[in-house]
């Protein structure tokens, strides 16, 4: 998965400005306003990639780069 692919999923799922979506952006609060947004994002990622992103693992990602690394490790 590329960062651009992840960015497309993020912009289609959560309400944040495109300028906030960068590899070093914090998942919460820069991109996702709260944990509910993070769960919705996890579900969207699963729908688009087939990679399971458990709800309890989302809070462990500090940045979008961390999330992208996880997705790549899982074969997305």
C-alpha atoms as a PDB file:
ATOM      1  CA  UNK A   1       0.000   0.000   0.000  1.00  0.00           C
ATOM      2  CA  UNK A   2       1.217   3.473  -0.792  1.00  0.00           C
ATOM      3  CA  UNK A   3       0.729   6.535   1.342  1.00  0.00           C
ATOM      4  CA  UNK A   4      -1.405   8.032  -1.445  1.00  0.00           C
ATOM      5  CA  UNK A   5      -3.768   5.024  -1.259  1.00  0.00           C
ATOM      6  CA  UNK A   6      -4.064   5.422   2.502  1.00  0.00           C
ATOM      7  CA  UNK A   7      -4.623   9.147   2.084  1.00  0.00           C
ATOM      8  CA  UNK A   8      -7.529   8.507  -0.306  1.00  0.00           C
ATOM      9  CA  UNK A   9      -9.182   6.195   2.230  1.00  0.00           C
ATOM     10  CA  UNK A  10      -8.676   8.740   5.009  1.00  0.00           C
ATOM     11  CA  UNK A  11     -10.125  11.643   3.034  1.00  0.00           C
ATOM     12  CA  UNK A  12     -13.145   9.562   2.012  1.00  0.00           C
ATOM     13  CA  UNK A  13     -13.778   8.434   5.596  1.00  0.00           C
ATOM     14  CA  UNK A  14     -13.022  11.149   8.130  1.00  0.00           C
ATOM     15  CA  UNK A  15     -13.551  14.891   8.144  1.00  0.00           C
ATOM     16  CA  UNK A  16     -10.107  16.425   8.037  1.00  0.00           C
ATOM     17  CA  UNK A  17      -8.391  18.751   5.655  1.00  0.00           C
ATOM     18  CA  UNK A  18      -6.107  17.261   3.024  1.00  0.00           C
ATOM     19  CA  UNK A  19      -3.246  19.372   4.361  1.00  0.00           C
ATOM     20  CA  UNK A  20      -3.410  17.465   7.668  1.00  0.00           C
ATOM     21  CA  UNK A  21      -2.857  14.076   6.019  1.00  0.00           C
ATOM     22  CA  UNK A  22       0.910  13.554   6.111  1.00  0.00           C
ATOM     23  CA  UNK A  23       3.063  10.571   7.161  1.00  0.00           C
ATOM     24  CA  UNK A  24       4.091  12.296  10.388  1.00  0.00           C
ATOM     25  CA  UNK A  25       0.563  13.477  11.269  1.00  0.00           C
ATOM     26  CA  UNK A  26      -0.792  12.104  14.530  1.00  0.00           C
ATOM     27  CA  UNK A  27      -3.685   9.708  14.014  1.00  0.00           C
ATOM     28  CA  UNK A  28      -5.569  11.392  16.869  1.00  0.00           C
ATOM     29  CA  UNK A  29      -6.148  14.399  16.940  1.00  0.00           C
ATOM     30  CA  UNK A  30      -4.615  15.533  13.614  1.00  0.00           C
ATOM     31  CA  UNK A  31      -6.540  13.148  11.354  1.00  0.00           C
ATOM     32  CA  UNK A  32      -9.210  11.507  13.508  1.00  0.00           C
ATOM     33  CA  UNK A  33     -11.048  13.718  15.956  1.00  0.00           C
ATOM     34  CA  UNK A  34     -11.693  10.858  18.377  1.00  0.00           C
ATOM     35  CA  UNK A  35     -11.697   7.097  18.816  1.00  0.00           C
ATOM     36  CA  UNK A  36     -14.993   6.754  16.929  1.00  0.00           C
ATOM     37  CA  UNK A  37     -13.356   8.276  13.851  1.00  0.00           C
ATOM     38  CA  UNK A  38     -10.464   5.845  14.301  1.00  0.00           C
ATOM     39  CA  UNK A  39     -12.873   2.877  14.361  1.00  0.00           C
ATOM     40  CA  UNK A  40     -14.612   4.150  11.210  1.00  0.00           C
ATOM     41  CA  UNK A  41     -11.229   4.525   9.535  1.00  0.00           C
ATOM     42  CA  UNK A  42     -10.223   0.995  10.564  1.00  0.00           C
ATOM     43  CA  UNK A  43     -13.438  -0.365   9.031  1.00  0.00           C
ATOM     44  CA  UNK A  44     -12.860   1.573   5.804  1.00  0.00           C
ATOM     45  CA  UNK A  45      -9.291   0.275   5.583  1.00  0.00           C
ATOM     46  CA  UNK A  46     -10.538  -3.281   6.077  1.00  0.00           C
ATOM     47  CA  UNK A  47     -13.158  -2.796   3.343  1.00  0.00           C
ATOM     48  CA  UNK A  48     -10.645  -1.398   0.849  1.00  0.00           C
ATOM     49  CA  UNK A  49      -7.657  -3.643   1.596  1.00  0.00           C
ATOM     50  CA  UNK A  50      -8.987  -6.784   3.241  1.00  0.00           C
ATOM     51  CA  UNK A  51      -6.506  -6.271   6.096  1.00  0.00           C
ATOM     52  CA  UNK A  52      -8.009  -6.664   9.549  1.00  0.00           C
ATOM     53  CA  UNK A  53      -7.245  -3.674  11.770  1.00  0.00           C
ATOM     54  CA  UNK A  54      -8.496  -4.570  15.278  1.00  0.00           C
ATOM     55  CA  UNK A  55     -10.148  -1.735  17.206  1.00  0.00           C
ATOM     56  CA  UNK A  56      -7.727  -2.153  20.091  1.00  0.00           C
ATOM     57  CA  UNK A  57      -4.672  -1.695  17.868  1.00  0.00           C
ATOM     58  CA  UNK A  58      -5.721   1.626  16.292  1.00  0.00           C
ATOM     59  CA  UNK A  59      -4.869   3.689  19.404  1.00  0.00           C
ATOM     60  CA  UNK A  60      -1.327   2.280  19.335  1.00  0.00           C
ATOM     61  CA  UNK A  61      -0.522   4.040  16.071  1.00  0.00           C
ATOM     62  CA  UNK A  62       0.936   7.430  16.914  1.00  0.00           C
ATOM     63  CA  UNK A  63       1.306   8.608  13.318  1.00  0.00           C
ATOM     64  CA  UNK A  64      -0.060   7.776   9.900  1.00  0.00           C
ATOM     65  CA  UNK A  65       3.392   6.429   9.084  1.00  0.00           C
ATOM     66  CA  UNK A  66       2.961   3.865  11.881  1.00  0.00           C
ATOM     67  CA  UNK A  67      -0.420   2.855  10.469  1.00  0.00           C
ATOM     68  CA  UNK A  68       1.015   2.561   6.965  1.00  0.00           C
ATOM     69  CA  UNK A  69       3.901   0.396   8.243  1.00  0.00           C
ATOM     70  CA  UNK A  70       1.391  -1.934   9.925  1.00  0.00           C
ATOM     71  CA  UNK A  71      -0.673  -2.203   6.759  1.00  0.00           C
ATOM     72  CA  UNK A  72       2.409  -2.993   4.696  1.00  0.00           C
ATOM     73  CA  UNK A  73       3.461  -5.671   7.219  1.00  0.00           C
ATOM     74  CA  UNK A  74       0.010  -7.216   6.880  1.00  0.00           C
ATOM     75  CA  UNK A  75       0.292  -7.341   3.088  1.00  0.00           C
ATOM     76  CA  UNK A  76      -1.856  -4.395   2.102  1.00  0.00           C
END
